[in-house]
Amino acid sequence: MRNLSFKNKRIKSLLDFFSRLAISAIFISAIHGKINDFERTVDYISSKGISEPLSSVLLVGAIICLILGSGFFIFGENQKIGSVFLLLFLIPTTIIFHVFPFHQRAVLMNLGLIGGLVITALREPI
């Protein structure tokens, strides 16, 4: 019976890792474009009514949140830190870019990601 428990724990741990990797994939895929198209992204943020200097600062913060958040979320001993960094990126991004005007599909997808990140932030690690 102990051996079965050990296998279940290893399987849960492996599934937990792959689940965090899958959730992080969307964030990881966004990093490259934000860095390579920095000026165009700043212009897009500015088009939402945010000043250009502040847009640049926000974009740097977003990139940092994406990198640190994904890394901690996937590999960190404390995935809660990663969840918080990703939430710091995702919640304002959703409000700024998808609420006004309302983009239902994007808002619902981001709400799903927010839910997964909140669950991770509140749970005990496996």
Protein backbone atom coordinates (compact mmCIF):
# COMPACT_ATOMS: atom_id res chain seq x y z
CA MET A 1 0.00 0.00 0.00
CA ARG A 2 2.88 2.39 0.73
CA ASN A 3 4.31 1.83 -2.74
CA LEU A 4 0.98 2.80 -4.31
CA SER A 5 0.88 5.97 -2.22
CA PHE A 6 4.40 6.87 -3.37
CA LYS A 7 3.44 6.34 -7.01
CA ASN A 8 0.29 8.44 -6.55
CA LYS A 9 2.35 11.25 -5.04
CA ARG A 10 4.85 11.10 -7.94
CA ILE A 11 2.02 11.10 -10.47
CA LYS A 12 0.32 14.03 -8.73
CA SER A 13 3.59 15.90 -8.62
CA LEU A 14 4.23 15.28 -12.31
CA LEU A 15 0.69 16.30 -13.27
CA ASP A 16 1.02 19.39 -11.10
CA PHE A 17 4.23 20.37 -12.91
CA PHE A 18 2.75 19.85 -16.37
CA SER A 19 -0.39 21.78 -15.36
CA ARG A 20 1.71 24.74 -14.25
CA LEU A 21 3.74 24.49 -17.45
CA ALA A 22 0.54 24.50 -19.53
CA ILE A 23 -0.88 27.53 -17.70
CA SER A 24 2.46 29.34 -18.09
CA ALA A 25 2.69 28.66 -21.82
CA ILE A 26 0.48 31.64 -22.68
CA PHE A 27 2.58 33.95 -20.53
CA ILE A 28 5.89 32.62 -21.82
CA SER A 29 4.76 33.03 -25.42
CA ALA A 30 3.98 36.71 -24.77
CA ILE A 31 7.48 37.62 -23.55
CA HIS A 32 9.23 37.43 -26.91
CA GLY A 33 6.83 39.78 -28.70
CA LYS A 34 6.87 42.35 -25.93
CA ILE A 35 10.66 42.51 -25.97
CA ASN A 36 11.15 42.40 -29.76
CA ASP A 37 8.30 44.82 -30.56
CA PHE A 38 8.82 47.04 -27.53
CA GLU A 39 8.12 50.37 -29.27
CA ARG A 40 5.04 49.09 -31.08
CA THR A 41 3.71 47.64 -27.82
CA VAL A 42 4.33 50.97 -26.06
CA ASP A 43 2.38 52.69 -28.85
CA TYR A 44 -0.48 50.21 -28.40
CA ILE A 45 -0.56 50.79 -24.64
CA SER A 46 -0.48 54.55 -25.27
CA SER A 47 -3.47 54.20 -27.61
CA LYS A 48 -5.48 53.11 -24.58
CA GLY A 49 -5.07 56.55 -23.01
CA ILE A 50 -1.92 55.93 -20.97
CA SER A 51 0.95 58.41 -21.42
CA GLU A 52 3.91 57.16 -23.44
CA PRO A 53 6.48 57.43 -20.61
CA LEU A 54 4.17 55.54 -18.26
CA SER A 55 3.45 53.00 -21.02
CA SER A 56 7.16 52.23 -21.27
CA VAL A 57 7.45 51.75 -17.51
CA LEU A 58 4.35 49.55 -17.45
CA LEU A 59 5.69 47.43 -20.29
CA VAL A 60 9.02 46.90 -18.54
CA GLY A 61 7.07 45.91 -15.42
CA ALA A 62 4.92 43.56 -17.47
CA ILE A 63 7.96 41.86 -18.98
CA ILE A 64 9.53 41.45 -15.53
CA CYS A 65 6.27 40.03 -14.14
CA LEU A 66 6.00 37.60 -17.05
CA ILE A 67 9.58 36.35 -16.72
CA LEU A 68 9.71 36.09 -12.93
CA GLY A 69 6.13 34.91 -12.67
CA SER A 70 6.55 32.11 -15.20
CA GLY A 71 9.85 31.01 -13.70
CA PHE A 72 8.61 30.89 -10.13
CA PHE A 73 5.28 29.39 -11.17
CA ILE A 74 6.91 26.51 -13.03
CA PHE A 75 10.15 25.87 -11.17
CA GLY A 76 10.05 27.76 -7.89
CA GLU A 77 9.79 26.14 -4.51
CA ASN A 78 7.07 28.61 -3.76
CA GLN A 79 4.73 28.77 -6.73
CA LYS A 80 2.61 31.32 -4.89
CA ILE A 81 5.16 34.02 -5.72
CA GLY A 82 4.87 33.11 -9.41
CA SER A 83 1.09 33.25 -9.20
CA VAL A 84 1.23 36.73 -7.68
CA PHE A 85 3.60 38.04 -10.37
CA LEU A 86 1.38 36.62 -13.12
CA LEU A 87 -1.74 38.06 -11.48
CA LEU A 88 0.00 41.46 -11.26
CA PHE A 89 0.41 41.25 -15.02
CA LEU A 90 -2.91 39.68 -15.97
CA ILE A 91 -5.50 41.61 -13.95
CA PRO A 92 -4.51 45.12 -15.12
CA THR A 93 -3.93 43.85 -18.66
CA THR A 94 -7.43 42.40 -18.77
CA ILE A 95 -9.00 45.61 -17.48
CA ILE A 96 -7.00 47.97 -19.72
CA PHE A 97 -7.22 46.02 -22.96
CA HIS A 98 -10.34 43.88 -22.81
CA VAL A 99 -12.99 45.51 -20.62
CA PHE A 100 -13.39 48.86 -22.44
CA PRO A 101 -14.42 47.99 -25.12
CA PHE A 102 -15.60 44.64 -23.87
CA HIS A 103 -14.02 41.63 -25.59
CA GLN A 104 -16.03 38.74 -24.17
CA ARG A 105 -13.79 35.89 -25.33
CA ALA A 106 -10.57 37.52 -24.09
CA VAL A 107 -12.14 38.47 -20.75
CA LEU A 108 -13.49 34.95 -20.19
CA MET A 109 -10.18 33.32 -21.13
CA ASN A 110 -8.30 35.66 -18.81
CA LEU A 111 -10.81 35.02 -16.02
CA GLY A 112 -10.07 31.30 -16.41
CA LEU A 113 -6.34 31.98 -16.12
CA ILE A 114 -6.95 34.27 -13.14
CA GLY A 115 -8.96 31.50 -11.47
CA GLY A 116 -6.18 28.97 -11.98
CA LEU A 117 -3.58 31.38 -10.63
CA VAL A 118 -5.70 32.21 -7.58
CA ILE A 119 -6.19 28.50 -6.86
CA THR A 120 -2.42 28.00 -7.04
CA ALA A 121 -1.78 31.04 -4.84
CA LEU A 122 -4.14 29.72 -2.15
CA ARG A 123 -3.28 26.01 -2.12
CA GLU A 124 -0.59 24.10 -0.35
CA PRO A 125 2.11 22.79 -2.73
CA ILE A 126 2.15 19.09 -3.55
